[in-house]
């Protein structure tokens, strides 16, 4: 079976209850811009990657392992994996 290229986004954000100074700074700046009604700002990061695997499940497993072991600090960050799409075998 040929490998198929799966494109994922890994969204990493601070876990609930963890201080988020960047989120606080953004929220504090909203008033200077005249923006009201926005709260609970959390700042994270997004990593996009392509995994070649025989199935989406196998590719998601690789992306999940990368997220858990390399891309996110499991003590203070949560991660979410989102499938962006898949291509033909061997596509990049």
C-alpha atoms as a PDB file:
ATOM      1  CA  UNK A   1       0.000   0.000   0.000  1.00  0.00           C
ATOM      2  CA  UNK A   2       1.318   3.462  -0.924  1.00  0.00           C
ATOM      3  CA  UNK A   3       1.764   6.183   1.619  1.00  0.00           C
ATOM      4  CA  UNK A   4      -0.646   9.099   1.433  1.00  0.00           C
ATOM      5  CA  UNK A   5       0.308  12.617   2.508  1.00  0.00           C
ATOM      6  CA  UNK A   6      -1.924  13.951   5.292  1.00  0.00           C
ATOM      7  CA  UNK A   7      -1.744  17.621   6.274  1.00  0.00           C
ATOM      8  CA  UNK A   8      -2.376  18.474   9.926  1.00  0.00           C
ATOM      9  CA  UNK A   9      -2.440  21.569  12.100  1.00  0.00           C
ATOM     10  CA  UNK A  10      -1.396  21.159  15.718  1.00  0.00           C
ATOM     11  CA  UNK A  11      -2.871  23.906  17.897  1.00  0.00           C
ATOM     12  CA  UNK A  12      -1.056  24.360  21.215  1.00  0.00           C
ATOM     13  CA  UNK A  13      -2.587  26.493  23.969  1.00  0.00           C
ATOM     14  CA  UNK A  14      -2.023  26.982  27.693  1.00  0.00           C
ATOM     15  CA  UNK A  15      -4.074  24.580  29.806  1.00  0.00           C
ATOM     16  CA  UNK A  16      -7.001  26.083  31.752  1.00  0.00           C
ATOM     17  CA  UNK A  17      -5.752  27.593  35.001  1.00  0.00           C
ATOM     18  CA  UNK A  18      -2.238  28.219  33.667  1.00  0.00           C
ATOM     19  CA  UNK A  19      -1.222  31.876  33.569  1.00  0.00           C
ATOM     20  CA  UNK A  20      -1.146  33.325  30.064  1.00  0.00           C
ATOM     21  CA  UNK A  21       0.724  36.655  30.136  1.00  0.00           C
ATOM     22  CA  UNK A  22       0.456  37.109  26.359  1.00  0.00           C
ATOM     23  CA  UNK A  23      -3.301  36.602  26.498  1.00  0.00           C
ATOM     24  CA  UNK A  24      -3.561  39.089  29.344  1.00  0.00           C
ATOM     25  CA  UNK A  25      -1.512  41.663  27.413  1.00  0.00           C
ATOM     26  CA  UNK A  26      -3.757  41.295  24.366  1.00  0.00           C
ATOM     27  CA  UNK A  27      -6.875  41.577  26.502  1.00  0.00           C
ATOM     28  CA  UNK A  28      -5.503  44.675  28.267  1.00  0.00           C
ATOM     29  CA  UNK A  29      -4.836  46.326  24.886  1.00  0.00           C
ATOM     30  CA  UNK A  30      -8.376  45.899  23.590  1.00  0.00           C
ATOM     31  CA  UNK A  31      -9.640  49.036  25.320  1.00  0.00           C
ATOM     32  CA  UNK A  32      -6.990  51.150  23.578  1.00  0.00           C
ATOM     33  CA  UNK A  33      -8.428  49.959  20.277  1.00  0.00           C
ATOM     34  CA  UNK A  34     -11.990  50.702  21.307  1.00  0.00           C
ATOM     35  CA  UNK A  35     -12.922  47.012  21.280  1.00  0.00           C
ATOM     36  CA  UNK A  36     -15.417  45.895  23.911  1.00  0.00           C
ATOM     37  CA  UNK A  37     -17.059  42.586  24.735  1.00  0.00           C
ATOM     38  CA  UNK A  38     -13.964  40.412  24.276  1.00  0.00           C
ATOM     39  CA  UNK A  39     -12.630  38.377  27.192  1.00  0.00           C
ATOM     40  CA  UNK A  40     -10.875  35.132  27.981  1.00  0.00           C
ATOM     41  CA  UNK A  41      -8.083  35.728  25.461  1.00  0.00           C
ATOM     42  CA  UNK A  42      -5.584  32.843  25.305  1.00  0.00           C
ATOM     43  CA  UNK A  43      -2.520  32.995  23.074  1.00  0.00           C
ATOM     44  CA  UNK A  44      -1.036  29.813  21.668  1.00  0.00           C
ATOM     45  CA  UNK A  45       0.678  28.645  18.538  1.00  0.00           C
ATOM     46  CA  UNK A  46      -0.161  26.633  15.435  1.00  0.00           C
ATOM     47  CA  UNK A  47       2.198  24.188  13.774  1.00  0.00           C
ATOM     48  CA  UNK A  48       1.344  22.749  10.354  1.00  0.00           C
ATOM     49  CA  UNK A  49       2.925  19.534   9.123  1.00  0.00           C
ATOM     50  CA  UNK A  50       2.576  16.792   6.525  1.00  0.00           C
ATOM     51  CA  UNK A  51       2.779  13.129   7.486  1.00  0.00           C
ATOM     52  CA  UNK A  52       3.061  10.351   4.925  1.00  0.00           C
ATOM     53  CA  UNK A  53       1.397   7.158   6.126  1.00  0.00           C
ATOM     54  CA  UNK A  54      -0.742   4.261   4.926  1.00  0.00           C
ATOM     55  CA  UNK A  55      -3.883   5.598   6.652  1.00  0.00           C
ATOM     56  CA  UNK A  56      -5.265   8.694   8.323  1.00  0.00           C
ATOM     57  CA  UNK A  57      -5.248   6.846  11.651  1.00  0.00           C
ATOM     58  CA  UNK A  58      -1.526   6.069  11.334  1.00  0.00           C
ATOM     59  CA  UNK A  59      -0.741   9.635  10.250  1.00  0.00           C
ATOM     60  CA  UNK A  60      -2.781  11.072  13.125  1.00  0.00           C
ATOM     61  CA  UNK A  61      -0.853   8.804  15.499  1.00  0.00           C
ATOM     62  CA  UNK A  62       2.445  10.262  14.300  1.00  0.00           C
ATOM     63  CA  UNK A  63       1.120  13.821  14.587  1.00  0.00           C
ATOM     64  CA  UNK A  64      -0.221  13.051  18.063  1.00  0.00           C
ATOM     65  CA  UNK A  65       3.096  11.661  19.215  1.00  0.00           C
ATOM     66  CA  UNK A  66       4.931  14.718  17.865  1.00  0.00           C
ATOM     67  CA  UNK A  67       2.484  17.013  19.631  1.00  0.00           C
ATOM     68  CA  UNK A  68       2.682  15.171  22.947  1.00  0.00           C
ATOM     69  CA  UNK A  69       6.442  14.587  23.008  1.00  0.00           C
ATOM     70  CA  UNK A  70       7.916  17.560  21.144  1.00  0.00           C
ATOM     71  CA  UNK A  71       5.552  20.390  20.229  1.00  0.00           C
ATOM     72  CA  UNK A  72       3.664  20.900  23.520  1.00  0.00           C
ATOM     73  CA  UNK A  73       4.760  20.912  27.140  1.00  0.00           C
ATOM     74  CA  UNK A  74       2.279  18.437  28.672  1.00  0.00           C
ATOM     75  CA  UNK A  75       2.557  20.043  32.119  1.00  0.00           C
ATOM     76  CA  UNK A  76       1.222  23.437  31.056  1.00  0.00           C
ATOM     77  CA  UNK A  77      -0.098  23.117  27.483  1.00  0.00           C
ATOM     78  CA  UNK A  78      -2.917  21.311  25.726  1.00  0.00           C
ATOM     79  CA  UNK A  79      -2.864  20.378  22.064  1.00  0.00           C
ATOM     80  CA  UNK A  80      -5.447  19.705  19.400  1.00  0.00           C
ATOM     81  CA  UNK A  81      -4.790  18.003  16.067  1.00  0.00           C
ATOM     82  CA  UNK A  82      -6.850  19.092  13.057  1.00  0.00           C
ATOM     83  CA  UNK A  83      -6.769  17.323   9.690  1.00  0.00           C
ATOM     84  CA  UNK A  84      -6.383  19.943   6.966  1.00  0.00           C
ATOM     85  CA  UNK A  85      -6.496  17.532   4.050  1.00  0.00           C
ATOM     86  CA  UNK A  86      -4.905  14.600   2.305  1.00  0.00           C
ATOM     87  CA  UNK A  87      -3.382  14.131  -1.084  1.00  0.00           C
ATOM     88  CA  UNK A  88      -2.489  11.474  -3.563  1.00  0.00           C
ATOM     89  CA  UNK A  89       0.063   8.820  -2.616  1.00  0.00           C
ATOM     90  CA  UNK A  90       3.452  10.448  -2.175  1.00  0.00           C
ATOM     91  CA  UNK A  91       2.046  13.995  -2.647  1.00  0.00           C
ATOM     92  CA  UNK A  92       3.724  16.782  -0.703  1.00  0.00           C
END
